[in-house]
Amino acid sequence: MTGSVQLQALLADLNWRVQLISSDIAEEEQLSSNLDEVGAFCSTLTEHLRSRRDNLTRTISMLERQLAAIDPWARAA
C-alpha cells in the first residue's frame, strides 16, 4: 500500500507541475503577442514548454495505469 500512496503523491505533484507549465505557456503566448521583437524567443520557449508539458502528461497517464494495476481502489490525483 505504501507504493500506492507514494505513486499518488507523485501523480499529484506532476499534475501540479503540468498546471504551472500550462500557466507559463499562456503567459508567454500573451507576451509574444504584445512584443514583436521578443516573439521569436517566446515562440521557442513556448515550444519547449509545450513539449515538456506533453511529456509530463504522457508520464502521468503511464503512472495512472500502473497505479490502477497495483491498487484498483486508488484514486489518481
N, C-alpha and C. Protein backbone atom coordinates (compact mmCIF):
# COMPACT_ATOMS: atom_id res chain seq x y z
N MET A 1 0.82 -1.20 0.00
CA MET A 1 0.00 0.00 0.00
C MET A 1 0.86 1.26 0.00
N THR A 2 2.03 1.19 0.59
CA THR A 2 2.91 2.36 0.63
C THR A 2 3.28 2.81 -0.78
N GLY A 3 3.53 1.85 -1.66
CA GLY A 3 3.85 2.20 -3.05
C GLY A 3 2.72 2.95 -3.71
N SER A 4 1.51 2.55 -3.39
CA SER A 4 0.33 3.22 -3.94
C SER A 4 0.25 4.66 -3.46
N VAL A 5 0.50 4.87 -2.19
CA VAL A 5 0.45 6.23 -1.62
C VAL A 5 1.54 7.10 -2.23
N GLN A 6 2.73 6.53 -2.38
CA GLN A 6 3.83 7.29 -2.98
C GLN A 6 3.52 7.64 -4.43
N LEU A 7 2.93 6.71 -5.14
CA LEU A 7 2.58 6.95 -6.54
C LEU A 7 1.50 8.03 -6.64
N GLN A 8 0.54 8.01 -5.74
CA GLN A 8 -0.50 9.05 -5.72
C GLN A 8 0.12 10.42 -5.45
N ALA A 9 1.09 10.47 -4.53
CA ALA A 9 1.76 11.75 -4.24
C ALA A 9 2.54 12.24 -5.45
N LEU A 10 3.22 11.33 -6.13
CA LEU A 10 3.97 11.69 -7.33
C LEU A 10 3.02 12.21 -8.42
N LEU A 11 1.90 11.54 -8.59
CA LEU A 11 0.92 11.98 -9.59
C LEU A 11 0.38 13.37 -9.26
N ALA A 12 0.11 13.61 -7.99
CA ALA A 12 -0.38 14.94 -7.59
C ALA A 12 0.66 16.01 -7.92
N ASP A 13 1.93 15.71 -7.64
CA ASP A 13 2.99 16.67 -7.92
C ASP A 13 3.14 16.91 -9.42
N LEU A 14 3.11 15.86 -10.20
CA LEU A 14 3.25 16.01 -11.65
C LEU A 14 2.07 16.77 -12.25
N ASN A 15 0.86 16.51 -11.77
CA ASN A 15 -0.31 17.26 -12.25
C ASN A 15 -0.18 18.74 -11.90
N TRP A 16 0.34 19.04 -10.73
CA TRP A 16 0.56 20.43 -10.32
C TRP A 16 1.57 21.09 -11.25
N ARG A 17 2.63 20.35 -11.59
CA ARG A 17 3.65 20.90 -12.50
C ARG A 17 3.08 21.15 -13.89
N VAL A 18 2.20 20.27 -14.36
CA VAL A 18 1.56 20.47 -15.66
C VAL A 18 0.74 21.76 -15.63
N GLN A 19 0.04 22.00 -14.53
CA GLN A 19 -0.75 23.24 -14.41
C GLN A 19 0.16 24.47 -14.44
N LEU A 20 1.29 24.39 -13.74
CA LEU A 20 2.24 25.51 -13.74
C LEU A 20 2.78 25.78 -15.15
N ILE A 21 3.16 24.72 -15.83
CA ILE A 21 3.70 24.87 -17.18
C ILE A 21 2.63 25.43 -18.12
N SER A 22 1.40 24.97 -17.99
CA SER A 22 0.31 25.49 -18.83
C SER A 22 0.12 26.98 -18.59
N SER A 23 0.25 27.39 -17.34
CA SER A 23 0.15 28.81 -17.00
C SER A 23 1.30 29.59 -17.62
N ASP A 24 2.51 29.03 -17.57
CA ASP A 24 3.67 29.68 -18.18
C ASP A 24 3.49 29.81 -19.69
N ILE A 25 2.93 28.79 -20.32
CA ILE A 25 2.69 28.83 -21.76
C ILE A 25 1.73 29.97 -22.10
N ALA A 26 0.65 30.07 -21.35
CA ALA A 26 -0.33 31.13 -21.60
C ALA A 26 0.30 32.50 -21.42
N GLU A 27 1.14 32.64 -20.40
CA GLU A 27 1.81 33.92 -20.15
C GLU A 27 2.76 34.27 -21.29
N GLU A 28 3.52 33.29 -21.76
CA GLU A 28 4.46 33.53 -22.86
C GLU A 28 3.73 33.86 -24.15
N GLU A 29 2.61 33.20 -24.40
CA GLU A 29 1.84 33.49 -25.60
C GLU A 29 1.30 34.92 -25.56
N GLN A 30 0.86 35.34 -24.40
CA GLN A 30 0.37 36.71 -24.27
C GLN A 30 1.51 37.71 -24.46
N LEU A 31 2.67 37.42 -23.88
CA LEU A 31 3.82 38.30 -24.02
C LEU A 31 4.26 38.40 -25.48
N SER A 32 4.32 37.27 -26.15
CA SER A 32 4.79 37.28 -27.54
C SER A 32 3.81 37.99 -28.46
N SER A 33 2.53 37.99 -28.12
CA SER A 33 1.57 38.71 -28.96
C SER A 33 1.66 40.21 -28.74
N ASN A 34 2.19 40.63 -27.59
CA ASN A 34 2.31 42.05 -27.28
C ASN A 34 3.65 42.65 -27.73
N LEU A 35 4.68 41.83 -27.77
CA LEU A 35 6.02 42.33 -28.09
C LEU A 35 6.59 41.57 -29.29
N ASP A 36 6.58 42.19 -30.45
CA ASP A 36 7.04 41.52 -31.66
C ASP A 36 8.52 41.14 -31.62
N GLU A 37 9.37 42.00 -31.05
CA GLU A 37 10.81 41.74 -31.06
C GLU A 37 11.19 40.55 -30.18
N VAL A 38 10.38 40.20 -29.21
CA VAL A 38 10.68 39.08 -28.33
C VAL A 38 9.94 37.83 -28.80
N GLY A 39 9.16 37.98 -29.83
CA GLY A 39 8.31 36.89 -30.30
C GLY A 39 9.05 35.61 -30.62
N ALA A 40 10.21 35.71 -31.29
CA ALA A 40 10.95 34.51 -31.67
C ALA A 40 11.42 33.75 -30.44
N PHE A 41 11.95 34.48 -29.44
CA PHE A 41 12.40 33.82 -28.22
C PHE A 41 11.23 33.18 -27.50
N CYS A 42 10.14 33.92 -27.38
CA CYS A 42 8.96 33.41 -26.69
C CYS A 42 8.41 32.19 -27.41
N SER A 43 8.44 32.23 -28.74
CA SER A 43 7.95 31.10 -29.52
C SER A 43 8.77 29.84 -29.23
N THR A 44 10.09 29.99 -29.19
CA THR A 44 10.97 28.86 -28.89
C THR A 44 10.72 28.37 -27.47
N LEU A 45 10.61 29.29 -26.54
CA LEU A 45 10.34 28.91 -25.15
C LEU A 45 8.99 28.21 -25.03
N THR A 46 7.99 28.73 -25.72
CA THR A 46 6.66 28.13 -25.68
C THR A 46 6.69 26.72 -26.24
N GLU A 47 7.42 26.52 -27.34
CA GLU A 47 7.55 25.18 -27.91
C GLU A 47 8.19 24.22 -26.92
N HIS A 48 9.24 24.68 -26.24
CA HIS A 48 9.92 23.86 -25.24
C HIS A 48 8.97 23.52 -24.09
N LEU A 49 8.23 24.51 -23.62
CA LEU A 49 7.30 24.28 -22.52
C LEU A 49 6.18 23.32 -22.92
N ARG A 50 5.69 23.46 -24.14
CA ARG A 50 4.64 22.54 -24.61
C ARG A 50 5.16 21.11 -24.68
N SER A 51 6.37 20.97 -25.16
CA SER A 51 6.98 19.64 -25.25
C SER A 51 7.13 19.03 -23.86
N ARG A 52 7.60 19.84 -22.93
CA ARG A 52 7.77 19.36 -21.55
C ARG A 52 6.42 18.98 -20.95
N ARG A 53 5.41 19.81 -21.17
CA ARG A 53 4.07 19.53 -20.64
C ARG A 53 3.52 18.23 -21.25
N ASP A 54 3.70 18.07 -22.55
CA ASP A 54 3.20 16.86 -23.22
C ASP A 54 3.90 15.61 -22.69
N ASN A 55 5.21 15.70 -22.46
CA ASN A 55 5.95 14.57 -21.90
C ASN A 55 5.44 14.24 -20.50
N LEU A 56 5.21 15.26 -19.69
CA LEU A 56 4.69 15.02 -18.34
C LEU A 56 3.30 14.40 -18.40
N THR A 57 2.48 14.86 -19.32
CA THR A 57 1.13 14.32 -19.46
C THR A 57 1.17 12.84 -19.83
N ARG A 58 2.08 12.48 -20.73
CA ARG A 58 2.23 11.06 -21.09
C ARG A 58 2.73 10.25 -19.90
N THR A 59 3.66 10.80 -19.14
CA THR A 59 4.17 10.12 -17.95
C THR A 59 3.06 9.92 -16.94
N ILE A 60 2.24 10.94 -16.74
CA ILE A 60 1.12 10.84 -15.81
C ILE A 60 0.18 9.71 -16.23
N SER A 61 -0.13 9.64 -17.50
CA SER A 61 -1.02 8.58 -18.00
C SER A 61 -0.45 7.20 -17.72
N MET A 62 0.85 7.04 -17.96
CA MET A 62 1.50 5.77 -17.71
C MET A 62 1.46 5.42 -16.22
N LEU A 63 1.75 6.40 -15.37
CA LEU A 63 1.75 6.15 -13.93
C LEU A 63 0.34 5.86 -13.41
N GLU A 64 -0.66 6.50 -13.99
CA GLU A 64 -2.05 6.22 -13.59
C GLU A 64 -2.43 4.78 -13.92
N ARG A 65 -1.96 4.29 -15.06
CA ARG A 65 -2.22 2.88 -15.41
C ARG A 65 -1.51 1.95 -14.44
N GLN A 66 -0.27 2.30 -14.06
CA GLN A 66 0.45 1.48 -13.09
C GLN A 66 -0.25 1.49 -11.74
N LEU A 67 -0.74 2.65 -11.34
CA LEU A 67 -1.45 2.76 -10.07
C LEU A 67 -2.70 1.89 -10.08
N ALA A 68 -3.44 1.93 -11.17
CA ALA A 68 -4.65 1.11 -11.28
C ALA A 68 -4.31 -0.38 -11.23
N ALA A 69 -3.15 -0.75 -11.75
CA ALA A 69 -2.75 -2.15 -11.75
C ALA A 69 -2.36 -2.64 -10.36
N ILE A 70 -1.71 -1.77 -9.56
CA ILE A 70 -1.27 -2.22 -8.24
C ILE A 70 -2.32 -2.00 -7.16
N ASP A 71 -3.21 -1.05 -7.39
CA ASP A 71 -4.25 -0.75 -6.39
C ASP A 71 -5.50 -0.24 -7.11
N PRO A 72 -6.38 -1.16 -7.50
CA PRO A 72 -7.56 -0.77 -8.28
C PRO A 72 -8.47 0.23 -7.56
N TRP A 73 -8.39 0.30 -6.25
CA TRP A 73 -9.25 1.20 -5.48
C TRP A 73 -8.64 2.58 -5.30
N ALA A 74 -7.40 2.74 -5.68
CA ALA A 74 -6.72 4.03 -5.52
C ALA A 74 -7.27 5.03 -6.52
N ARG A 75 -7.29 6.26 -6.10
CA ARG A 75 -7.71 7.35 -7.00
C ARG A 75 -6.48 8.09 -7.45
N ALA A 76 -6.36 8.28 -8.75
CA ALA A 76 -5.26 9.09 -9.29
C ALA A 76 -5.51 10.54 -8.93
N ALA A 77 -4.42 11.28 -8.76
CA ALA A 77 -4.53 12.69 -8.36
C ALA A 77 -5.12 13.53 -9.45
